[in-house]
Amino acid sequence: MPKDVSESAMAQVPPFANFDPETAAILGAAYDEALARLLDRPDLVRELVAKHLVALATRGERNIHKLCDEALIAEGF
């Protein structure tokens, strides 16, 4: 998936805009990593992963790999 598409999908998750630029970049990187692992999953799955990433970041997680892993595990991957 082209980078601009994944960034726009992640940016559509409402609380995403509430993060500082550094955290937004971390979330974007974690989302890109998750998409690479998901391959061709439906948009709904991608949206749910994005929402989990935001929830984890809201609780303070900033490790890209941990964000990715925990969001994917929460969705059963």
PDB file of N, CA and C in Angstrom:
ATOM      1  N   MET A   1       0.852  -1.178   0.000  1.00  0.00           N
ATOM      2  CA  MET A   1       0.000   0.000   0.000  1.00  0.00           C
ATOM      3  C   MET A   1       0.896   1.239   0.000  1.00  0.00           C
ATOM      4  N   PRO A   2       0.614   2.221  -0.848  1.00  0.00           N
ATOM      5  CA  PRO A   2       1.419   3.432  -0.875  1.00  0.00           C
ATOM      6  C   PRO A   2       1.341   4.162   0.451  1.00  0.00           C
ATOM      7  N   LYS A   3       2.437   4.777   0.831  1.00  0.00           N
ATOM      8  CA  LYS A   3       2.537   5.417   2.129  1.00  0.00           C
ATOM      9  C   LYS A   3       1.460   6.477   2.350  1.00  0.00           C
ATOM     10  N   ASP A   4       1.139   7.296   1.353  1.00  0.00           N
ATOM     11  CA  ASP A   4       0.157   8.342   1.546  1.00  0.00           C
ATOM     12  C   ASP A   4      -1.229   7.782   1.847  1.00  0.00           C
ATOM     13  N   VAL A   5      -1.558   6.620   1.311  1.00  0.00           N
ATOM     14  CA  VAL A   5      -2.853   5.999   1.598  1.00  0.00           C
ATOM     15  C   VAL A   5      -2.909   5.534   3.042  1.00  0.00           C
ATOM     16  N   SER A   6      -1.853   4.875   3.521  1.00  0.00           N
ATOM     17  CA  SER A   6      -1.866   4.399   4.908  1.00  0.00           C
ATOM     18  C   SER A   6      -1.897   5.557   5.889  1.00  0.00           C
ATOM     19  N   GLU A   7      -1.171   6.621   5.577  1.00  0.00           N
ATOM     20  CA  GLU A   7      -1.190   7.777   6.464  1.00  0.00           C
ATOM     21  C   GLU A   7      -2.586   8.395   6.505  1.00  0.00           C
ATOM     22  N   SER A   8      -3.259   8.488   5.352  1.00  0.00           N
ATOM     23  CA  SER A   8      -4.589   9.078   5.350  1.00  0.00           C
ATOM     24  C   SER A   8      -5.572   8.181   6.091  1.00  0.00           C
ATOM     25  N   ALA A   9      -5.438   6.858   5.969  1.00  0.00           N
ATOM     26  CA  ALA A   9      -6.315   5.947   6.695  1.00  0.00           C
ATOM     27  C   ALA A   9      -6.113   6.094   8.195  1.00  0.00           C
ATOM     28  N   MET A  10      -4.870   6.169   8.624  1.00  0.00           N
ATOM     29  CA  MET A  10      -4.578   6.331  10.052  1.00  0.00           C
ATOM     30  C   MET A  10      -5.076   7.696  10.530  1.00  0.00           C
ATOM     31  N   ALA A  11      -4.918   8.708   9.705  1.00  0.00           N
ATOM     32  CA  ALA A  11      -5.337  10.054  10.096  1.00  0.00           C
ATOM     33  C   ALA A  11      -6.845  10.178  10.226  1.00  0.00           C
ATOM     34  N   GLN A  12      -7.596   9.256   9.636  1.00  0.00           N
ATOM     35  CA  GLN A  12      -9.050   9.304   9.717  1.00  0.00           C
ATOM     36  C   GLN A  12      -9.575   8.797  11.060  1.00  0.00           C
ATOM     37  N   VAL A  13      -8.731   8.167  11.845  1.00  0.00           N
ATOM     38  CA  VAL A  13      -9.157   7.728  13.176  1.00  0.00           C
ATOM     39  C   VAL A  13      -9.233   8.990  14.036  1.00  0.00           C
ATOM     40  N   PRO A  14     -10.432   9.348  14.512  1.00  0.00           N
ATOM     41  CA  PRO A  14     -10.647  10.664  15.127  1.00  0.00           C
ATOM     42  C   PRO A  14      -9.621  11.127  16.156  1.00  0.00           C
ATOM     43  N   PRO A  15      -9.255  10.346  17.176  1.00  0.00           N
ATOM     44  CA  PRO A  15      -8.325  10.885  18.178  1.00  0.00           C
ATOM     45  C   PRO A  15      -6.894  11.050  17.657  1.00  0.00           C
ATOM     46  N   PHE A  16      -6.609  10.546  16.451  1.00  0.00           N
ATOM     47  CA  PHE A  16      -5.256  10.616  15.913  1.00  0.00           C
ATOM     48  C   PHE A  16      -4.756  12.052  15.867  1.00  0.00           C
ATOM     49  N   ALA A  17      -5.626  12.982  15.557  1.00  0.00           N
ATOM     50  CA  ALA A  17      -5.230  14.384  15.420  1.00  0.00           C
ATOM     51  C   ALA A  17      -4.827  15.008  16.757  1.00  0.00           C
ATOM     52  N   ASN A  18      -5.142  14.361  17.854  1.00  0.00           N
ATOM     53  CA  ASN A  18      -4.838  14.916  19.175  1.00  0.00           C
ATOM     54  C   ASN A  18      -3.414  14.659  19.640  1.00  0.00           C
ATOM     55  N   PHE A  19      -2.606  13.924  18.860  1.00  0.00           N
ATOM     56  CA  PHE A  19      -1.251  13.591  19.257  1.00  0.00           C
ATOM     57  C   PHE A  19      -0.248  14.600  18.716  1.00  0.00           C
ATOM     58  N   ASP A  20       0.842  14.772  19.462  1.00  0.00           N
ATOM     59  CA  ASP A  20       1.923  15.636  18.992  1.00  0.00           C
ATOM     60  C   ASP A  20       2.575  15.003  17.757  1.00  0.00           C
ATOM     61  N   PRO A  21       3.327  15.784  16.980  1.00  0.00           N
ATOM     62  CA  PRO A  21       3.908  15.256  15.741  1.00  0.00           C
ATOM     63  C   PRO A  21       4.800  14.023  15.922  1.00  0.00           C
ATOM     64  N   GLU A  22       5.558  13.965  17.005  1.00  0.00           N
ATOM     65  CA  GLU A  22       6.428  12.805  17.238  1.00  0.00           C
ATOM     66  C   GLU A  22       5.602  11.534  17.461  1.00  0.00           C
ATOM     67  N   THR A  23       4.570  11.640  18.282  1.00  0.00           N
ATOM     68  CA  THR A  23       3.715  10.489  18.537  1.00  0.00           C
ATOM     69  C   THR A  23       2.945  10.100  17.284  1.00  0.00           C
ATOM     70  N   ALA A  24       2.494  11.093  16.527  1.00  0.00           N
ATOM     71  CA  ALA A  24       1.794  10.805  15.271  1.00  0.00           C
ATOM     72  C   ALA A  24       2.707  10.039  14.313  1.00  0.00           C
ATOM     73  N   ALA A  25       3.980  10.397  14.275  1.00  0.00           N
ATOM     74  CA  ALA A  25       4.941   9.691  13.416  1.00  0.00           C
ATOM     75  C   ALA A  25       5.133   8.254  13.894  1.00  0.00           C
ATOM     76  N   ILE A  26       5.195   8.066  15.208  1.00  0.00           N
ATOM     77  CA  ILE A  26       5.325   6.718  15.779  1.00  0.00           C
ATOM     78  C   ILE A  26       4.102   5.883  15.421  1.00  0.00           C
ATOM     79  N   LEU A  27       2.921   6.455  15.569  1.00  0.00           N
ATOM     80  CA  LEU A  27       1.691   5.737  15.223  1.00  0.00           C
ATOM     81  C   LEU A  27       1.662   5.395  13.737  1.00  0.00           C
ATOM     82  N   GLY A  28       2.094   6.315  12.910  1.00  0.00           N
ATOM     83  CA  GLY A  28       2.144   6.054  11.474  1.00  0.00           C
ATOM     84  C   GLY A  28       3.075   4.906  11.139  1.00  0.00           C
ATOM     85  N   ALA A  29       4.232   4.875  11.795  1.00  0.00           N
ATOM     86  CA  ALA A  29       5.196   3.790  11.562  1.00  0.00           C
ATOM     87  C   ALA A  29       4.642   2.458  12.050  1.00  0.00           C
ATOM     88  N   ALA A  30       3.989   2.451  13.208  1.00  0.00           N
ATOM     89  CA  ALA A  30       3.393   1.218  13.736  1.00  0.00           C
ATOM     90  C   ALA A  30       2.269   0.739  12.817  1.00  0.00           C
ATOM     91  N   TYR A  31       1.496   1.664  12.298  1.00  0.00           N
ATOM     92  CA  TYR A  31       0.410   1.319  11.379  1.00  0.00           C
ATOM     93  C   TYR A  31       0.978   0.731  10.085  1.00  0.00           C
ATOM     94  N   ASP A  32       2.020   1.346   9.550  1.00  0.00           N
ATOM     95  CA  ASP A  32       2.660   0.819   8.341  1.00  0.00           C
ATOM     96  C   ASP A  32       3.182  -0.594   8.566  1.00  0.00           C
ATOM     97  N   GLU A  33       3.789  -0.821   9.734  1.00  0.00           N
ATOM     98  CA  GLU A  33       4.300  -2.156  10.067  1.00  0.00           C
ATOM     99  C   GLU A  33       3.142  -3.158  10.150  1.00  0.00           C
ATOM    100  N   ALA A  34       2.057  -2.740  10.781  1.00  0.00           N
ATOM    101  CA  ALA A  34       0.888  -3.627  10.898  1.00  0.00           C
ATOM    102  C   ALA A  34       0.321  -3.950   9.517  1.00  0.00           C
ATOM    103  N   LEU A  35       0.224  -2.957   8.643  1.00  0.00           N
ATOM    104  CA  LEU A  35      -0.297  -3.200   7.306  1.00  0.00           C
ATOM    105  C   LEU A  35       0.584  -4.163   6.527  1.00  0.00           C
ATOM    106  N   ALA A  36       1.876  -4.054   6.711  1.00  0.00           N
ATOM    107  CA  ALA A  36       2.796  -4.968   6.027  1.00  0.00           C
ATOM    108  C   ALA A  36       2.552  -6.406   6.474  1.00  0.00           C
ATOM    109  N   ARG A  37       2.195  -6.582   7.736  1.00  0.00           N
ATOM    110  CA  ARG A  37       1.917  -7.931   8.248  1.00  0.00           C
ATOM    111  C   ARG A  37       0.528  -8.419   7.856  1.00  0.00           C
ATOM    112  N   LEU A  38      -0.416  -7.496   7.705  1.00  0.00           N
ATOM    113  CA  LEU A  38      -1.788  -7.872   7.393  1.00  0.00           C
ATOM    114  C   LEU A  38      -1.973  -8.250   5.931  1.00  0.00           C
ATOM    115  N   LEU A  39      -1.118  -7.785   5.086  1.00  0.00           N
ATOM    116  CA  LEU A  39      -1.215  -8.009   3.641  1.00  0.00           C
ATOM    117  C   LEU A  39      -2.517  -7.418   3.117  1.00  0.00           C
ATOM    118  N   ASP A  40      -3.360  -8.195   2.507  1.00  0.00           N
ATOM    119  CA  ASP A  40      -4.565  -7.663   1.861  1.00  0.00           C
ATOM    120  C   ASP A  40      -5.822  -7.908   2.684  1.00  0.00           C
ATOM    121  N   ARG A  41      -5.868  -7.360   3.861  1.00  0.00           N
ATOM    122  CA  ARG A  41      -7.062  -7.494   4.709  1.00  0.00           C
ATOM    123  C   ARG A  41      -8.053  -6.391   4.356  1.00  0.00           C
ATOM    124  N   PRO A  42      -9.328  -6.615   4.656  1.00  0.00           N
ATOM    125  CA  PRO A  42     -10.343  -5.590   4.364  1.00  0.00           C
ATOM    126  C   PRO A  42     -10.085  -4.290   5.133  1.00  0.00           C
ATOM    127  N   ASP A  43     -10.644  -3.224   4.619  1.00  0.00           N
ATOM    128  CA  ASP A  43     -10.489  -1.916   5.254  1.00  0.00           C
ATOM    129  C   ASP A  43     -10.965  -1.910   6.700  1.00  0.00           C
ATOM    130  N   LEU A  44     -12.000  -2.681   6.992  1.00  0.00           N
ATOM    131  CA  LEU A  44     -12.522  -2.726   8.359  1.00  0.00           C
ATOM    132  C   LEU A  44     -11.447  -3.214   9.330  1.00  0.00           C
ATOM    133  N   VAL A  45     -10.694  -4.224   8.945  1.00  0.00           N
ATOM    134  CA  VAL A  45      -9.623  -4.743   9.801  1.00  0.00           C
ATOM    135  C   VAL A  45      -8.566  -3.666  10.000  1.00  0.00           C
ATOM    136  N   ARG A  46      -8.207  -2.977   8.944  1.00  0.00           N
ATOM    137  CA  ARG A  46      -7.210  -1.903   9.039  1.00  0.00           C
ATOM    138  C   ARG A  46      -7.684  -0.795   9.975  1.00  0.00           C
ATOM    139  N   GLU A  47      -8.965  -0.463   9.878  1.00  0.00           N
ATOM    140  CA  GLU A  47      -9.523   0.578  10.744  1.00  0.00           C
ATOM    141  C   GLU A  47      -9.494   0.142  12.203  1.00  0.00           C
ATOM    142  N   LEU A  48      -9.847  -1.112  12.470  1.00  0.00           N
ATOM    143  CA  LEU A  48      -9.823  -1.610  13.850  1.00  0.00           C
ATOM    144  C   LEU A  48      -8.406  -1.609  14.417  1.00  0.00           C
ATOM    145  N   VAL A  49      -7.432  -1.999  13.600  1.00  0.00           N
ATOM    146  CA  VAL A  49      -6.031  -1.965  14.041  1.00  0.00           C
ATOM    147  C   VAL A  49      -5.626  -0.527  14.352  1.00  0.00           C
ATOM    148  N   ALA A  50      -6.007   0.402  13.493  1.00  0.00           N
ATOM    149  CA  ALA A  50      -5.684   1.813  13.723  1.00  0.00           C
ATOM    150  C   ALA A  50      -6.281   2.299  15.041  1.00  0.00           C
ATOM    151  N   LYS A  51      -7.517   1.910  15.317  1.00  0.00           N
ATOM    152  CA  LYS A  51      -8.162   2.321  16.569  1.00  0.00           C
ATOM    153  C   LYS A  51      -7.447   1.729  17.785  1.00  0.00           C
ATOM    154  N   HIS A  52      -6.991   0.480  17.664  1.00  0.00           N
ATOM    155  CA  HIS A  52      -6.229  -0.119  18.767  1.00  0.00           C
ATOM    156  C   HIS A  52      -4.909   0.614  18.972  1.00  0.00           C
ATOM    157  N   LEU A  53      -4.260   0.986  17.893  1.00  0.00           N
ATOM    158  CA  LEU A  53      -3.007   1.740  18.004  1.00  0.00           C
ATOM    159  C   LEU A  53      -3.225   3.045  18.754  1.00  0.00           C
ATOM    160  N   VAL A  54      -4.282   3.751  18.407  1.00  0.00           N
ATOM    161  CA  VAL A  54      -4.590   5.015  19.078  1.00  0.00           C
ATOM    162  C   VAL A  54      -4.881   4.780  20.556  1.00  0.00           C
ATOM    163  N   ALA A  55      -5.643   3.745  20.861  1.00  0.00           N
ATOM    164  CA  ALA A  55      -5.958   3.450  22.262  1.00  0.00           C
ATOM    165  C   ALA A  55      -4.692   3.146  23.051  1.00  0.00           C
ATOM    166  N   LEU A  56      -3.801   2.361  22.460  1.00  0.00           N
ATOM    167  CA  LEU A  56      -2.543   2.032  23.138  1.00  0.00           C
ATOM    168  C   LEU A  56      -1.688   3.277  23.344  1.00  0.00           C
ATOM    169  N   ALA A  57      -1.613   4.127  22.336  1.00  0.00           N
ATOM    170  CA  ALA A  57      -0.826   5.356  22.449  1.00  0.00           C
ATOM    171  C   ALA A  57      -1.429   6.308  23.473  1.00  0.00           C
ATOM    172  N   THR A  58      -2.750   6.321  23.554  1.00  0.00           N
ATOM    173  CA  THR A  58      -3.420   7.162  24.543  1.00  0.00           C
ATOM    174  C   THR A  58      -3.035   6.747  25.961  1.00  0.00           C
ATOM    175  N   ARG A  59      -2.785   5.449  26.138  1.00  0.00           N
ATOM    176  CA  ARG A  59      -2.356   4.938  27.446  1.00  0.00           C
ATOM    177  C   ARG A  59      -0.860   5.106  27.673  1.00  0.00           C
ATOM    178  N   GLY A  60      -0.148   5.657  26.662  1.00  0.00           N
ATOM    179  CA  GLY A  60       1.256   5.984  26.873  1.00  0.00           C
ATOM    180  C   GLY A  60       2.262   5.131  26.129  1.00  0.00           C
ATOM    181  N   GLU A  61       1.823   4.098  25.431  1.00  0.00           N
ATOM    182  CA  GLU A  61       2.778   3.245  24.705  1.00  0.00           C
ATOM    183  C   GLU A  61       3.368   4.025  23.530  1.00  0.00           C
ATOM    184  N   ARG A  62       4.708   3.952  23.371  1.00  0.00           N
ATOM    185  CA  ARG A  62       5.373   4.653  22.282  1.00  0.00           C
ATOM    186  C   ARG A  62       6.338   3.759  21.504  1.00  0.00           C
ATOM    187  N   ASN A  63       6.454   2.498  21.890  1.00  0.00           N
ATOM    188  CA  ASN A  63       7.331   1.572  21.184  1.00  0.00           C
ATOM    189  C   ASN A  63       6.614   1.077  19.932  1.00  0.00           C
ATOM    190  N   ILE A  64       7.191   1.375  18.764  1.00  0.00           N
ATOM    191  CA  ILE A  64       6.544   1.053  17.492  1.00  0.00           C
ATOM    192  C   ILE A  64       6.196  -0.427  17.396  1.00  0.00           C
ATOM    193  N   HIS A  65       7.143  -1.295  17.716  1.00  0.00           N
ATOM    194  CA  HIS A  65       6.922  -2.736  17.569  1.00  0.00           C
ATOM    195  C   HIS A  65       5.895  -3.263  18.563  1.00  0.00           C
ATOM    196  N   LYS A  66       5.928  -2.734  19.768  1.00  0.00           N
ATOM    197  CA  LYS A  66       4.945  -3.155  20.769  1.00  0.00           C
ATOM    198  C   LYS A  66       3.549  -2.678  20.381  1.00  0.00           C
ATOM    199  N   LEU A  67       3.451  -1.444  19.896  1.00  0.00           N
ATOM    200  CA  LEU A  67       2.160  -0.946  19.418  1.00  0.00           C
ATOM    201  C   LEU A  67       1.603  -1.863  18.340  1.00  0.00           C
ATOM    202  N   CYS A  68       2.442  -2.169  17.361  1.00  0.00           N
ATOM    203  CA  CYS A  68       2.028  -3.026  16.248  1.00  0.00           C
ATOM    204  C   CYS A  68       1.605  -4.397  16.746  1.00  0.00           C
ATOM    205  N   ASP A  69       2.470  -5.028  17.536  1.00  0.00           N
ATOM    206  CA  ASP A  69       2.179  -6.377  18.031  1.00  0.00           C
ATOM    207  C   ASP A  69       0.874  -6.423  18.818  1.00  0.00           C
ATOM    208  N   GLU A  70       0.711  -5.486  19.747  1.00  0.00           N
ATOM    209  CA  GLU A  70      -0.479  -5.515  20.608  1.00  0.00           C
ATOM    210  C   GLU A  70      -1.759  -5.217  19.830  1.00  0.00           C
ATOM    211  N   ALA A  71      -1.684  -4.317  18.856  1.00  0.00           N
ATOM    212  CA  ALA A  71      -2.869  -4.021  18.040  1.00  0.00           C
ATOM    213  C   ALA A  71      -3.256  -5.244  17.199  1.00  0.00           C
ATOM    214  N   LEU A  72      -2.283  -5.935  16.644  1.00  0.00           N
ATOM    215  CA  LEU A  72      -2.569  -7.124  15.838  1.00  0.00           C
ATOM    216  C   LEU A  72      -3.091  -8.262  16.711  1.00  0.00           C
ATOM    217  N   ILE A  73      -2.521  -8.436  17.886  1.00  0.00           N
ATOM    218  CA  ILE A  73      -2.988  -9.484  18.803  1.00  0.00           C
ATOM    219  C   ILE A  73      -4.437  -9.197  19.211  1.00  0.00           C
ATOM    220  N   ALA A  74      -4.753  -7.940  19.463  1.00  0.00           N
ATOM    221  CA  ALA A  74      -6.116  -7.578  19.856  1.00  0.00           C
ATOM    222  C   ALA A  74      -7.132  -7.931  18.768  1.00  0.00           C
ATOM    223  N   GLU A  75      -6.672  -7.951  17.522  1.00  0.00           N
ATOM    224  CA  GLU A  75      -7.547  -8.304  16.401  1.00  0.00           C
ATOM    225  C   GLU A  75      -7.431  -9.759  15.994  1.00  0.00           C
ATOM    226  N   GLY A  76      -6.669 -10.542  16.756  1.00  0.00           N
ATOM    227  CA  GLY A  76      -6.574 -11.966  16.512  1.00  0.00           C
ATOM    228  C   GLY A  76      -5.533 -12.382  15.477  1.00  0.00           C
ATOM    229  N   PHE A  77      -4.557 -11.524  15.244  1.00  0.00           N
ATOM    230  CA  PHE A  77      -3.503 -11.860  14.269  1.00  0.00           C
ATOM    231  C   PHE A  77      -2.194 -12.139  14.962  1.00  0.00           C
TER     232      PHE A  77
END
